Full PDB file with SEQRES, HELIX, SHEET, SSBOND, CRYST1, ORIGX, SCALE, CONECT and MASTER records, all heavy atoms in Angstrom:
SEQRES   1 A   41  ASN ASN TYR PRO ASP SER LEU LYS PRO LYS LEU LEU GLU          
SEQRES   2 A   41  ARG LYS LYS ASN CYS VAL GLN GLU LEU GLN LYS CYS CYS          
SEQRES   3 A   41  LYS LEU ASN LEU LEU GLU SER ILE SER ASP LEU GLN ILE          
SEQRES   4 A   41  CYS ASP                                                      
HELIX    1 AA1 ASP A    5  LEU A    7  5                                   3    
HELIX    2 AA2 LYS A    8  LYS A   24  1                                  17    
HELIX    3 AA3 ILE A   34  CYS A   40  1                                   7    
CRYST1    1.000    1.000    1.000  90.00  90.00  90.00 P 1           1          
ORIGX1      1.000000  0.000000  0.000000        0.00000                         
ORIGX2      0.000000  1.000000  0.000000        0.00000                         
ORIGX3      0.000000  0.000000  1.000000        0.00000                         
SCALE1      1.000000  0.000000  0.000000        0.00000                         
SCALE2      0.000000  1.000000  0.000000        0.00000                         
SCALE3      0.000000  0.000000  1.000000        0.00000                         
ATOM      1  N   ASN A   1     100.263   5.223 -98.674  1.00  0.00           N  
ATOM      2  CA  ASN A   1      99.491   5.651 -97.503  1.00  0.00           C  
ATOM      3  C   ASN A   1      99.055   7.119 -97.593  1.00  0.00           C  
ATOM      4  O   ASN A   1      99.062   7.843 -96.599  1.00  0.00           O  
ATOM      5  CB  ASN A   1     100.311   5.425 -96.232  1.00  0.00           C  
ATOM      6  CG  ASN A   1     100.302   3.977 -95.793  1.00  0.00           C  
ATOM      7  OD1 ASN A   1      99.381   3.521 -95.126  1.00  0.00           O  
ATOM      8  ND2 ASN A   1     101.328   3.234 -96.184  1.00  0.00           N  
ATOM      9  N   ASN A   2      98.685   7.538 -98.811  1.00  0.00           N  
ATOM     10  CA  ASN A   2      98.088   8.864 -99.001  1.00  0.00           C  
ATOM     11  C   ASN A   2      99.008   9.997 -98.558  1.00  0.00           C  
ATOM     12  O   ASN A   2      98.616  10.881 -97.793  1.00  0.00           O  
ATOM     13  CB  ASN A   2      96.750   8.963 -98.261  1.00  0.00           C  
ATOM     14  CG  ASN A   2      95.769   7.900 -98.714  1.00  0.00           C  
ATOM     15  OD1 ASN A   2      95.593   7.699 -99.914  1.00  0.00           O  
ATOM     16  ND2 ASN A   2      95.157   7.200 -97.772  1.00  0.00           N  
ATOM     17  N   TYR A   3     100.225   9.960 -99.055  1.00  0.00           N  
ATOM     18  CA  TYR A   3     101.172  11.035 -98.772  1.00  0.00           C  
ATOM     19  C   TYR A   3     100.642  12.342 -99.371  1.00  0.00           C  
ATOM     20  O   TYR A   3     100.109  12.350-100.496  1.00  0.00           O  
ATOM     21  CB  TYR A   3     102.529  10.679 -99.378  1.00  0.00           C  
ATOM     22  CG  TYR A   3     103.670  11.556 -98.928  1.00  0.00           C  
ATOM     23  CD1 TYR A   3     104.110  11.532 -97.609  1.00  0.00           C  
ATOM     24  CD2 TYR A   3     104.309  12.397 -99.837  1.00  0.00           C  
ATOM     25  CE1 TYR A   3     105.169  12.324 -97.205  1.00  0.00           C  
ATOM     26  CE2 TYR A   3     105.377  13.196 -99.439  1.00  0.00           C  
ATOM     27  CZ  TYR A   3     105.795  13.159 -98.121  1.00  0.00           C  
ATOM     28  OH  TYR A   3     106.843  13.944 -97.722  1.00  0.00           O  
ATOM     29  N   PRO A   4     100.757  13.469 -98.641  1.00  0.00           N  
ATOM     30  CA  PRO A   4     100.182  14.746 -99.119  1.00  0.00           C  
ATOM     31  C   PRO A   4     100.688  15.133-100.503  1.00  0.00           C  
ATOM     32  O   PRO A   4     101.889  15.069-100.778  1.00  0.00           O  
ATOM     33  CB  PRO A   4     100.649  15.751 -98.052  1.00  0.00           C  
ATOM     34  CG  PRO A   4     100.870  14.929 -96.824  1.00  0.00           C  
ATOM     35  CD  PRO A   4     101.368  13.606 -97.315  1.00  0.00           C  
ATOM     36  N   ASP A   5      99.774  15.569-101.379  1.00  0.00           N  
ATOM     37  CA  ASP A   5     100.136  15.933-102.753  1.00  0.00           C  
ATOM     38  C   ASP A   5     101.176  17.041-102.787  1.00  0.00           C  
ATOM     39  O   ASP A   5     102.064  17.046-103.646  1.00  0.00           O  
ATOM     40  CB  ASP A   5      98.880  16.379-103.517  1.00  0.00           C  
ATOM     41  CG  ASP A   5      97.979  15.208-103.868  1.00  0.00           C  
ATOM     42  OD1 ASP A   5      98.491  14.067-103.932  1.00  0.00           O  
ATOM     43  OD2 ASP A   5      96.768  15.420-104.068  1.00  0.00           O  
ATOM     44  N   SER A   6     101.066  17.973-101.865  1.00  0.00           N  
ATOM     45  CA  SER A   6     101.980  19.115-101.875  1.00  0.00           C  
ATOM     46  C   SER A   6     103.429  18.725-101.615  1.00  0.00           C  
ATOM     47  O   SER A   6     104.357  19.453-101.981  1.00  0.00           O  
ATOM     48  CB  SER A   6     101.536  20.143-100.824  1.00  0.00           C  
ATOM     49  OG  SER A   6     101.561  19.554 -99.524  1.00  0.00           O  
ATOM     50  N   LEU A   7     103.628  17.564-100.981  1.00  0.00           N  
ATOM     51  CA  LEU A   7     104.985  17.127-100.647  1.00  0.00           C  
ATOM     52  C   LEU A   7     105.517  16.062-101.601  1.00  0.00           C  
ATOM     53  O   LEU A   7     106.679  15.658-101.494  1.00  0.00           O  
ATOM     54  CB  LEU A   7     105.009  16.577 -99.207  1.00  0.00           C  
ATOM     55  CG  LEU A   7     104.600  17.549 -98.096  1.00  0.00           C  
ATOM     56  CD1 LEU A   7     104.599  16.821 -96.750  1.00  0.00           C  
ATOM     57  CD2 LEU A   7     105.522  18.749 -98.053  1.00  0.00           C  
ATOM     58  N   LYS A   8     104.679  15.619-102.527  1.00  0.00           N  
ATOM     59  CA  LYS A   8     105.078  14.507-103.389  1.00  0.00           C  
ATOM     60  C   LYS A   8     106.254  14.800-104.317  1.00  0.00           C  
ATOM     61  O   LYS A   8     107.079  13.915-104.561  1.00  0.00           O  
ATOM     62  CB  LYS A   8     103.875  14.021-104.204  1.00  0.00           C  
ATOM     63  CG  LYS A   8     102.932  13.132-103.408  1.00  0.00           C  
ATOM     64  CD  LYS A   8     101.763  12.673-104.247  1.00  0.00           C  
ATOM     65  CE  LYS A   8     100.829  11.806-103.400  1.00  0.00           C  
ATOM     66  NZ  LYS A   8      99.609  11.418-104.157  1.00  0.00           N  
ATOM     67  N   PRO A   9     106.368  16.004-104.883  1.00  0.00           N  
ATOM     68  CA  PRO A   9     107.500  16.245-105.793  1.00  0.00           C  
ATOM     69  C   PRO A   9     108.852  15.931-105.174  1.00  0.00           C  
ATOM     70  O   PRO A   9     109.701  15.292-105.807  1.00  0.00           O  
ATOM     71  CB  PRO A   9     107.361  17.733-106.129  1.00  0.00           C  
ATOM     72  CG  PRO A   9     105.891  17.990-106.018  1.00  0.00           C  
ATOM     73  CD  PRO A   9     105.436  17.157-104.857  1.00  0.00           C  
ATOM     74  N   LYS A  10     109.053  16.346-103.934  1.00  0.00           N  
ATOM     75  CA  LYS A  10     110.334  16.088-103.264  1.00  0.00           C  
ATOM     76  C   LYS A  10     110.534  14.592-103.028  1.00  0.00           C  
ATOM     77  O   LYS A  10     111.641  14.063-103.186  1.00  0.00           O  
ATOM     78  CB  LYS A  10     110.385  16.849-101.942  1.00  0.00           C  
ATOM     79  CG  LYS A  10     111.741  16.810-101.261  1.00  0.00           C  
ATOM     80  CD  LYS A  10     111.754  17.705-100.033  1.00  0.00           C  
ATOM     81  CE  LYS A  10     113.134  17.718 -99.381  1.00  0.00           C  
ATOM     82  NZ  LYS A  10     113.165  18.598 -98.180  1.00  0.00           N  
ATOM     83  N   LEU A  11     109.468  13.887-102.658  1.00  0.00           N  
ATOM     84  CA  LEU A  11     109.565  12.462-102.397  1.00  0.00           C  
ATOM     85  C   LEU A  11     109.846  11.701-103.690  1.00  0.00           C  
ATOM     86  O   LEU A  11     110.643  10.759-103.721  1.00  0.00           O  
ATOM     87  CB  LEU A  11     108.266  11.961-101.763  1.00  0.00           C  
ATOM     88  CG  LEU A  11     108.266  10.498-101.313  1.00  0.00           C  
ATOM     89  CD1 LEU A  11     109.280  10.265-100.218  1.00  0.00           C  
ATOM     90  CD2 LEU A  11     106.883  10.087-100.829  1.00  0.00           C  
ATOM     91  N   LEU A  12     109.194  12.134-104.796  1.00  0.00           N  
ATOM     92  CA  LEU A  12     109.411  11.467-106.073  1.00  0.00           C  
ATOM     93  C   LEU A  12     110.816  11.719-106.603  1.00  0.00           C  
ATOM     94  O   LEU A  12     111.399  10.847-107.273  1.00  0.00           O  
ATOM     95  CB  LEU A  12     108.366  11.937-107.087  1.00  0.00           C  
ATOM     96  CG  LEU A  12     106.924  11.486-106.778  1.00  0.00           C  
ATOM     97  CD1 LEU A  12     105.930  12.179-107.693  1.00  0.00           C  
ATOM     98  CD2 LEU A  12     106.804   9.985-106.883  1.00  0.00           C  
ATOM     99  N   GLU A  13     111.355  12.882-106.284  1.00  0.00           N  
ATOM    100  CA  GLU A  13     112.743  13.156-106.662  1.00  0.00           C  
ATOM    101  C   GLU A  13     113.688  12.227-105.913  1.00  0.00           C  
ATOM    102  O   GLU A  13     114.666  11.725-106.476  1.00  0.00           O  
ATOM    103  CB  GLU A  13     113.076  14.611-106.345  1.00  0.00           C  
ATOM    104  CG  GLU A  13     114.477  15.049-106.768  1.00  0.00           C  
ATOM    105  CD  GLU A  13     114.653  15.060-108.280  1.00  0.00           C  
ATOM    106  OE1 GLU A  13     113.644  15.190-109.007  1.00  0.00           O  
ATOM    107  OE2 GLU A  13     115.809  14.918-108.728  1.00  0.00           O  
ATOM    108  N   ARG A  14     113.389  11.982-104.657  1.00  0.00           N  
ATOM    109  CA  ARG A  14     114.209  11.046-103.868  1.00  0.00           C  
ATOM    110  C   ARG A  14     114.085   9.638-104.457  1.00  0.00           C  
ATOM    111  O   ARG A  14     115.071   8.902-104.531  1.00  0.00           O  
ATOM    112  CB  ARG A  14     113.769  11.046-102.404  1.00  0.00           C  
ATOM    113  CG  ARG A  14     114.652  10.167-101.493  1.00  0.00           C  
ATOM    114  CD  ARG A  14     114.185  10.257-100.047  1.00  0.00           C  
ATOM    115  NE  ARG A  14     114.136  11.626 -99.624  1.00  0.00           N  
ATOM    116  CZ  ARG A  14     113.131  12.170 -98.902  1.00  0.00           C  
ATOM    117  NH1 ARG A  14     112.106  11.410 -98.542  1.00  0.00           N  
ATOM    118  NH2 ARG A  14     113.153  13.438 -98.563  1.00  0.00           N  
ATOM    119  N   LYS A  15     112.899   9.274-104.880  1.00  0.00           N  
ATOM    120  CA  LYS A  15     112.713   7.961-105.491  1.00  0.00           C  
ATOM    121  C   LYS A  15     113.551   7.834-106.758  1.00  0.00           C  
ATOM    122  O   LYS A  15     114.212   6.803-106.978  1.00  0.00           O  
ATOM    123  CB  LYS A  15     111.229   7.732-105.799  1.00  0.00           C  
ATOM    124  CG  LYS A  15     110.927   6.407-106.492  1.00  0.00           C  
ATOM    125  CD  LYS A  15     109.438   6.264-106.737  1.00  0.00           C  
ATOM    126  CE  LYS A  15     109.135   5.007-107.535  1.00  0.00           C  
ATOM    127  NZ  LYS A  15     109.398   3.783-106.791  1.00  0.00           N  
ATOM    128  N   LYS A  16     113.525   8.860-107.559  1.00  0.00           N  
ATOM    129  CA  LYS A  16     114.297   8.841-108.798  1.00  0.00           C  
ATOM    130  C   LYS A  16     115.793   8.707-108.502  1.00  0.00           C  
ATOM    131  O   LYS A  16     116.501   7.898-109.130  1.00  0.00           O  
ATOM    132  CB  LYS A  16     114.034  10.124-109.586  1.00  0.00           C  
ATOM    133  CG  LYS A  16     114.820  10.228-110.883  1.00  0.00           C  
ATOM    134  CD  LYS A  16     114.497  11.540-111.598  1.00  0.00           C  
ATOM    135  CE  LYS A  16     115.329  11.681-112.861  1.00  0.00           C  
ATOM    136  NZ  LYS A  16     115.026  12.956-113.570  1.00  0.00           N  
ATOM    137  N   ASN A  17     116.284   9.493-107.547  1.00  0.00           N  
ATOM    138  CA  ASN A  17     117.702   9.432-107.177  1.00  0.00           C  
ATOM    139  C   ASN A  17     118.064   8.062-106.624  1.00  0.00           C  
ATOM    140  O   ASN A  17     119.150   7.543-106.869  1.00  0.00           O  
ATOM    141  CB  ASN A  17     118.025  10.512-106.149  1.00  0.00           C  
ATOM    142  CG  ASN A  17     117.901  11.908-106.725  1.00  0.00           C  
ATOM    143  OD1 ASN A  17     118.011  12.104-107.939  1.00  0.00           O  
ATOM    144  ND2 ASN A  17     117.668  12.895-105.859  1.00  0.00           N  
ATOM    145  N   CYS A  18     117.119   7.479-105.891  1.00  0.00           N  
ATOM    146  CA  CYS A  18     117.356   6.162-105.300  1.00  0.00           C  
ATOM    147  C   CYS A  18     117.502   5.111-106.403  1.00  0.00           C  
ATOM    148  O   CYS A  18     118.407   4.262-106.372  1.00  0.00           O  
ATOM    149  CB  CYS A  18     116.177   5.811-104.393  1.00  0.00           C  
ATOM    150  SG  CYS A  18     116.573   4.647-103.105  1.00  0.00           S  
ATOM    151  N   VAL A  19     116.613   5.173-107.388  1.00  0.00           N  
ATOM    152  CA  VAL A  19     116.671   4.232-108.497  1.00  0.00           C  
ATOM    153  C   VAL A  19     117.980   4.389-109.257  1.00  0.00           C  
ATOM    154  O   VAL A  19     118.624   3.401-109.643  1.00  0.00           O  
ATOM    155  CB  VAL A  19     115.465   4.437-109.442  1.00  0.00           C  
ATOM    156  CG1 VAL A  19     115.643   3.653-110.736  1.00  0.00           C  
ATOM    157  CG2 VAL A  19     114.176   4.020-108.749  1.00  0.00           C  
ATOM    158  N   GLN A  20     118.417   5.618-109.440  1.00  0.00           N  
ATOM    159  CA  GLN A  20     119.678   5.861-110.149  1.00  0.00           C  
ATOM    160  C   GLN A  20     120.861   5.278-109.382  1.00  0.00           C  
ATOM    161  O   GLN A  20     121.783   4.700-109.984  1.00  0.00           O  
ATOM    162  CB  GLN A  20     119.861   7.361-110.376  1.00  0.00           C  
ATOM    163  CG  GLN A  20     118.893   7.938-111.390  1.00  0.00           C  
ATOM    164  CD  GLN A  20     118.987   9.459-111.491  1.00  0.00           C  
ATOM    165  OE1 GLN A  20     119.563  10.124-110.626  1.00  0.00           O  
ATOM    166  NE2 GLN A  20     118.417  10.006-112.553  1.00  0.00           N  
ATOM    167  N   GLU A  21     120.859   5.431-108.067  1.00  0.00           N  
ATOM    168  CA  GLU A  21     121.944   4.878-107.255  1.00  0.00           C  
ATOM    169  C   GLU A  21     121.953   3.356-107.327  1.00  0.00           C  
ATOM    170  O   GLU A  21     123.013   2.725-107.391  1.00  0.00           O  
ATOM    171  CB  GLU A  21     121.814   5.344-105.802  1.00  0.00           C  
ATOM    172  CG  GLU A  21     122.045   6.824-105.580  1.00  0.00           C  
ATOM    173  CD  GLU A  21     123.464   7.245-105.920  1.00  0.00           C  
ATOM    174  OE1 GLU A  21     124.382   6.398-105.818  1.00  0.00           O  
ATOM    175  OE2 GLU A  21     123.654   8.411-106.300  1.00  0.00           O  
ATOM    176  N   LEU A  22     120.775   2.756-107.349  1.00  0.00           N  
ATOM    177  CA  LEU A  22     120.689   1.299-107.442  1.00  0.00           C  
ATOM    178  C   LEU A  22     121.145   0.811-108.810  1.00  0.00           C  
ATOM    179  O   LEU A  22     121.757  -0.249-108.934  1.00  0.00           O  
ATOM    180  CB  LEU A  22     119.254   0.831-107.166  1.00  0.00           C  
ATOM    181  CG  LEU A  22     118.798   0.938-105.702  1.00  0.00           C  
ATOM    182  CD1 LEU A  22     117.302   0.698-105.597  1.00  0.00           C  
ATOM    183  CD2 LEU A  22     119.553  -0.042-104.824  1.00  0.00           C  
ATOM    184  N   GLN A  23     120.855   1.600-109.840  1.00  0.00           N  
ATOM    185  CA  GLN A  23     121.316   1.243-111.178  1.00  0.00           C  
ATOM    186  C   GLN A  23     122.841   1.241-111.242  1.00  0.00           C  
ATOM    187  O   GLN A  23     123.445   0.382-111.883  1.00  0.00           O  
ATOM    188  CB  GLN A  23     120.755   2.219-112.210  1.00  0.00           C  
ATOM    189  CG  GLN A  23     119.288   1.985-112.547  1.00  0.00           C  
ATOM    190  CD  GLN A  23     118.771   3.027-113.513  1.00  0.00           C  
ATOM    191  OE1 GLN A  23     119.055   4.214-113.384  1.00  0.00           O  
ATOM    192  NE2 GLN A  23     117.996   2.590-114.489  1.00  0.00           N  
ATOM    193  N   LYS A  24     123.455   2.179-110.550  1.00  0.00           N  
ATOM    194  CA  LYS A  24     124.910   2.287-110.571  1.00  0.00           C  
ATOM    195  C   LYS A  24     125.569   1.031-110.016  1.00  0.00           C  
ATOM    196  O   LYS A  24     126.608   0.589-110.505  1.00  0.00           O  
ATOM    197  CB  LYS A  24     125.365   3.504-109.755  1.00  0.00           C  
ATOM    198  CG  LYS A  24     125.044   4.842-110.379  1.00  0.00           C  
ATOM    199  CD  LYS A  24     125.499   5.979-109.460  1.00  0.00           C  
ATOM    200  CE  LYS A  24     125.082   7.338-110.011  1.00  0.00           C  
ATOM    201  NZ  LYS A  24     125.479   8.432-109.088  1.00  0.00           N  
ATOM    202  N   CYS A  25     124.974   0.492-108.967  1.00  0.00           N  
ATOM    203  CA  CYS A  25     125.577  -0.686-108.342  1.00  0.00           C  
ATOM    204  C   CYS A  25     124.877  -1.982-108.751  1.00  0.00           C  
ATOM    205  O   CYS A  25     125.013  -3.009-108.075  1.00  0.00           O  
ATOM    206  CB  CYS A  25     125.604  -0.539-106.820  1.00  0.00           C  
ATOM    207  SG  CYS A  25     124.003  -0.207-106.082  1.00  0.00           S  
ATOM    208  N   CYS A  26     124.083  -1.904-109.830  1.00  0.00           N  
ATOM    209  CA  CYS A  26     123.444  -3.099-110.415  1.00  0.00           C  
ATOM    210  C   CYS A  26     122.539  -3.821-109.429  1.00  0.00           C  
ATOM    211  O   CYS A  26     122.455  -5.045-109.427  1.00  0.00           O  
ATOM    212  CB  CYS A  26     124.494  -4.076-110.942  1.00  0.00           C  
ATOM    213  SG  CYS A  26     125.566  -3.356-112.203  1.00  0.00           S  
ATOM    214  N   LYS A  27     121.875  -3.080-108.547  1.00  0.00           N  
ATOM    215  CA  LYS A  27     120.966  -3.705-107.587  1.00  0.00           C  
ATOM    216  C   LYS A  27     119.513  -3.335-107.859  1.00  0.00           C  
ATOM    217  O   LYS A  27     118.643  -3.577-107.047  1.00  0.00           O  
ATOM    218  CB  LYS A  27     121.320  -3.291-106.155  1.00  0.00           C  
ATOM    219  CG  LYS A  27     122.651  -3.834-105.682  1.00  0.00           C  
ATOM    220  CD  LYS A  27     122.907  -3.409-104.250  1.00  0.00           C  
ATOM    221  CE  LYS A  27     124.247  -3.948-103.749  1.00  0.00           C  
ATOM    222  NZ  LYS A  27     124.531  -3.499-102.373  1.00  0.00           N  
ATOM    223  N   LEU A  28     119.261  -2.709-109.001  1.00  0.00           N  
ATOM    224  CA  LEU A  28     117.902  -2.276-109.284  1.00  0.00           C  
ATOM    225  C   LEU A  28     116.958  -3.462-109.392  1.00  0.00           C  
ATOM    226  O   LEU A  28     117.227  -4.424-110.095  1.00  0.00           O  
ATOM    227  CB  LEU A  28     117.873  -1.480-110.595  1.00  0.00           C  
ATOM    228  CG  LEU A  28     116.490  -1.018-111.065  1.00  0.00           C  
ATOM    229  CD1 LEU A  28     115.874  -0.082-110.041  1.00  0.00           C  
ATOM    230  CD2 LEU A  28     116.594  -0.318-112.411  1.00  0.00           C  
ATOM    231  N   ASN A  29     115.858  -3.357-108.693  1.00  0.00           N  
ATOM    232  CA  ASN A  29     114.823  -4.387-108.765  1.00  0.00           C  
ATOM    233  C   ASN A  29     114.277  -4.476-110.186  1.00  0.00           C  
ATOM    234  O   ASN A  29     113.851  -3.485-110.764  1.00  0.00           O  
ATOM    235  CB  ASN A  29     113.696  -4.000-107.788  1.00  0.00           C  
ATOM    236  CG  ASN A  29     112.595  -5.030-107.760  1.00  0.00           C  
ATOM    237  OD1 ASN A  29     112.626  -5.992-108.515  1.00  0.00           O  
ATOM    238  ND2 ASN A  29     111.634  -4.826-106.881  1.00  0.00           N  
ATOM    239  N   LEU A  30     114.308  -5.662-110.767  1.00  0.00           N  
ATOM    240  CA  LEU A  30     113.830  -5.843-112.133  1.00  0.00           C  
ATOM    241  C   LEU A  30     112.333  -5.567-112.247  1.00  0.00           C  
ATOM    242  O   LEU A  30     111.827  -5.301-113.331  1.00  0.00           O  
ATOM    243  CB  LEU A  30     114.142  -7.262-112.606  1.00  0.00           C  
ATOM    244  CG  LEU A  30     115.632  -7.593-112.715  1.00  0.00           C  
ATOM    245  CD1 LEU A  30     115.809  -9.039-113.129  1.00  0.00           C  
ATOM    246  CD2 LEU A  30     116.341  -6.666-113.678  1.00  0.00           C  
ATOM    247  N   LEU A  31     111.642  -5.618-111.108  1.00  0.00           N  
ATOM    248  CA  LEU A  31     110.217  -5.335-111.137  1.00  0.00           C  
ATOM    249  C   LEU A  31     109.938  -3.835-111.208  1.00  0.00           C  
ATOM    250  O   LEU A  31     108.798  -3.418-111.343  1.00  0.00           O  
ATOM    251  CB  LEU A  31     109.530  -5.930-109.897  1.00  0.00           C  
ATOM    252  CG  LEU A  31     109.551  -7.453-109.817  1.00  0.00           C  
ATOM    253  CD1 LEU A  31     109.023  -7.913-108.467  1.00  0.00           C  
ATOM    254  CD2 LEU A  31     108.732  -8.054-110.932  1.00  0.00           C  
ATOM    255  N   GLU A  32     110.967  -3.010-111.053  1.00  0.00           N  
ATOM    256  CA  GLU A  32     110.800  -1.562-111.157  1.00  0.00           C  
ATOM    257  C   GLU A  32     110.661  -1.224-112.635  1.00  0.00           C  
ATOM    258  O   GLU A  32     111.626  -1.116-113.375  1.00  0.00           O  
ATOM    259  CB  GLU A  32     112.020  -0.874-110.542  1.00  0.00           C  
ATOM    260  CG  GLU A  32     111.830   0.598-110.291  1.00  0.00           C  
ATOM    261  CD  GLU A  32     110.987   0.856-109.045  1.00  0.00           C  
ATOM    262  OE1 GLU A  32     110.830  -0.060-108.232  1.00  0.00           O  
ATOM    263  OE2 GLU A  32     110.491   1.966-108.921  1.00  0.00           O  
ATOM    264  N   SER A  33     109.454  -1.099-113.103  1.00  0.00           N  
ATOM    265  CA  SER A  33     109.185  -1.007-114.540  1.00  0.00           C  
ATOM    266  C   SER A  33     109.515   0.365-115.093  1.00  0.00           C  
ATOM    267  O   SER A  33     109.701   1.340-114.367  1.00  0.00           O  
ATOM    268  CB  SER A  33     107.712  -1.313-114.802  1.00  0.00           C  
ATOM    269  OG  SER A  33     106.906  -0.324-114.191  1.00  0.00           O  
ATOM    270  N   ILE A  34     109.562   0.436-116.433  1.00  0.00           N  
ATOM    271  CA  ILE A  34     109.827   1.708-117.107  1.00  0.00           C  
ATOM    272  C   ILE A  34     108.745   2.721-116.772  1.00  0.00           C  
ATOM    273  O   ILE A  34     109.020   3.891-116.516  1.00  0.00           O  
ATOM    274  CB  ILE A  34     109.908   1.488-118.631  1.00  0.00           C  
ATOM    275  CG1 ILE A  34     111.117   0.616-118.962  1.00  0.00           C  
ATOM    276  CG2 ILE A  34     109.991   2.820-119.372  1.00  0.00           C  
ATOM    277  CD1 ILE A  34     111.230   0.248-120.429  1.00  0.00           C  
ATOM    278  N   SER A  35     107.501   2.256-116.724  1.00  0.00           N  
ATOM    279  CA  SER A  35     106.414   3.190-116.399  1.00  0.00           C  
ATOM    280  C   SER A  35     106.563   3.743-114.998  1.00  0.00           C  
ATOM    281  O   SER A  35     106.223   4.900-114.738  1.00  0.00           O  
ATOM    282  CB  SER A  35     105.063   2.475-116.529  1.00  0.00           C  
ATOM    283  OG  SER A  35     104.992   1.385-115.627  1.00  0.00           O  
ATOM    284  N   ASP A  36     107.091   2.918-114.092  1.00  0.00           N  
ATOM    285  CA  ASP A  36     107.312   3.370-112.719  1.00  0.00           C  
ATOM    286  C   ASP A  36     108.378   4.459-112.687  1.00  0.00           C  
ATOM    287  O   ASP A  36     108.260   5.456-111.976  1.00  0.00           O  
ATOM    288  CB  ASP A  36     107.730   2.183-111.845  1.00  0.00           C  
ATOM    289  CG  ASP A  36     107.592   2.486-110.365  1.00  0.00           C  
ATOM    290  OD1 ASP A  36     107.058   3.554-110.057  1.00  0.00           O  
ATOM    291  OD2 ASP A  36     108.018   1.646-109.560  1.00  0.00           O  
ATOM    292  N   LEU A  37     109.443   4.276-113.477  1.00  0.00           N  
ATOM    293  CA  LEU A  37     110.489   5.288-113.539  1.00  0.00           C  
ATOM    294  C   LEU A  37     109.946   6.580-114.136  1.00  0.00           C  
ATOM    295  O   LEU A  37     110.350   7.672-113.744  1.00  0.00           O  
ATOM    296  CB  LEU A  37     111.664   4.778-114.381  1.00  0.00           C  
ATOM    297  CG  LEU A  37     112.417   3.576-113.815  1.00  0.00           C  
ATOM    298  CD1 LEU A  37     113.542   3.187-114.762  1.00  0.00           C  
ATOM    299  CD2 LEU A  37     112.968   3.874-112.438  1.00  0.00           C  
ATOM    300  N   GLN A  38     109.018   6.472-115.077  1.00  0.00           N  
ATOM    301  CA  GLN A  38     108.429   7.668-115.659  1.00  0.00           C  
ATOM    302  C   GLN A  38     107.620   8.427-114.627  1.00  0.00           C  
ATOM    303  O   GLN A  38     107.582   9.655-114.634  1.00  0.00           O  
ATOM    304  CB  GLN A  38     107.538   7.281-116.848  1.00  0.00           C  
ATOM    305  CG  GLN A  38     108.336   6.791-118.066  1.00  0.00           C  
ATOM    306  CD  GLN A  38     107.445   6.241-119.149  1.00  0.00           C  
ATOM    307  OE1 GLN A  38     106.282   5.905-118.897  1.00  0.00           O  
ATOM    308  NE2 GLN A  38     107.977   6.117-120.352  1.00  0.00           N  
ATOM    309  N   ILE A  39     107.003   7.686-113.717  1.00  0.00           N  
ATOM    310  CA  ILE A  39     106.249   8.338-112.650  1.00  0.00           C  
ATOM    311  C   ILE A  39     107.153   9.228-111.817  1.00  0.00           C  
ATOM    312  O   ILE A  39     106.755  10.288-111.359  1.00  0.00           O  
ATOM    313  CB  ILE A  39     105.555   7.283-111.749  1.00  0.00           C  
ATOM    314  CG1 ILE A  39     104.400   6.644-112.510  1.00  0.00           C  
ATOM    315  CG2 ILE A  39     105.044   7.890-110.464  1.00  0.00           C  
ATOM    316  CD1 ILE A  39     103.724   5.516-111.768  1.00  0.00           C  
ATOM    317  N   CYS A  40     108.420   8.780-111.625  1.00  0.00           N  
ATOM    318  CA  CYS A  40     109.348   9.553-110.817  1.00  0.00           C  
ATOM    319  C   CYS A  40     109.563  10.952-111.391  1.00  0.00           C  
ATOM    320  O   CYS A  40     109.834  11.893-110.662  1.00  0.00           O  
ATOM    321  CB  CYS A  40     110.698   8.843-110.733  1.00  0.00           C  
ATOM    322  SG  CYS A  40     110.609   7.275-109.888  1.00  0.00           S  
ATOM    323  N   ASP A  41     109.473  11.074-112.737  1.00  0.00           N  
ATOM    324  CA  ASP A  41     109.714  12.360-113.382  1.00  0.00           C  
ATOM    325  C   ASP A  41     108.450  13.205-113.489  1.00  0.00           C  
ATOM    326  O   ASP A  41     108.504  14.377-113.850  1.00  0.00           O  
ATOM    327  CB  ASP A  41     110.296  12.139-114.787  1.00  0.00           C  
ATOM    328  CG  ASP A  41     111.684  11.562-114.724  1.00  0.00           C  
ATOM    329  OD1 ASP A  41     112.436  11.940-113.806  1.00  0.00           O  
ATOM    330  OD2 ASP A  41     112.000  10.740-115.593  1.00  0.00           O  
TER     331      ASP A  41                                                      
MASTER        0    0    0    3    0    0    0    6  330    1    0    4          
END                                                                             
């Protein structure tokens, strides 16, 4: 929904942390592709 570019780094960091937490408990969505994880960085 067109989140402001200036605020995206913080949001993408949260996304990355979220994916890592899901990986820890084996709940990561298999549809979350490698390219998507690269976007987080």
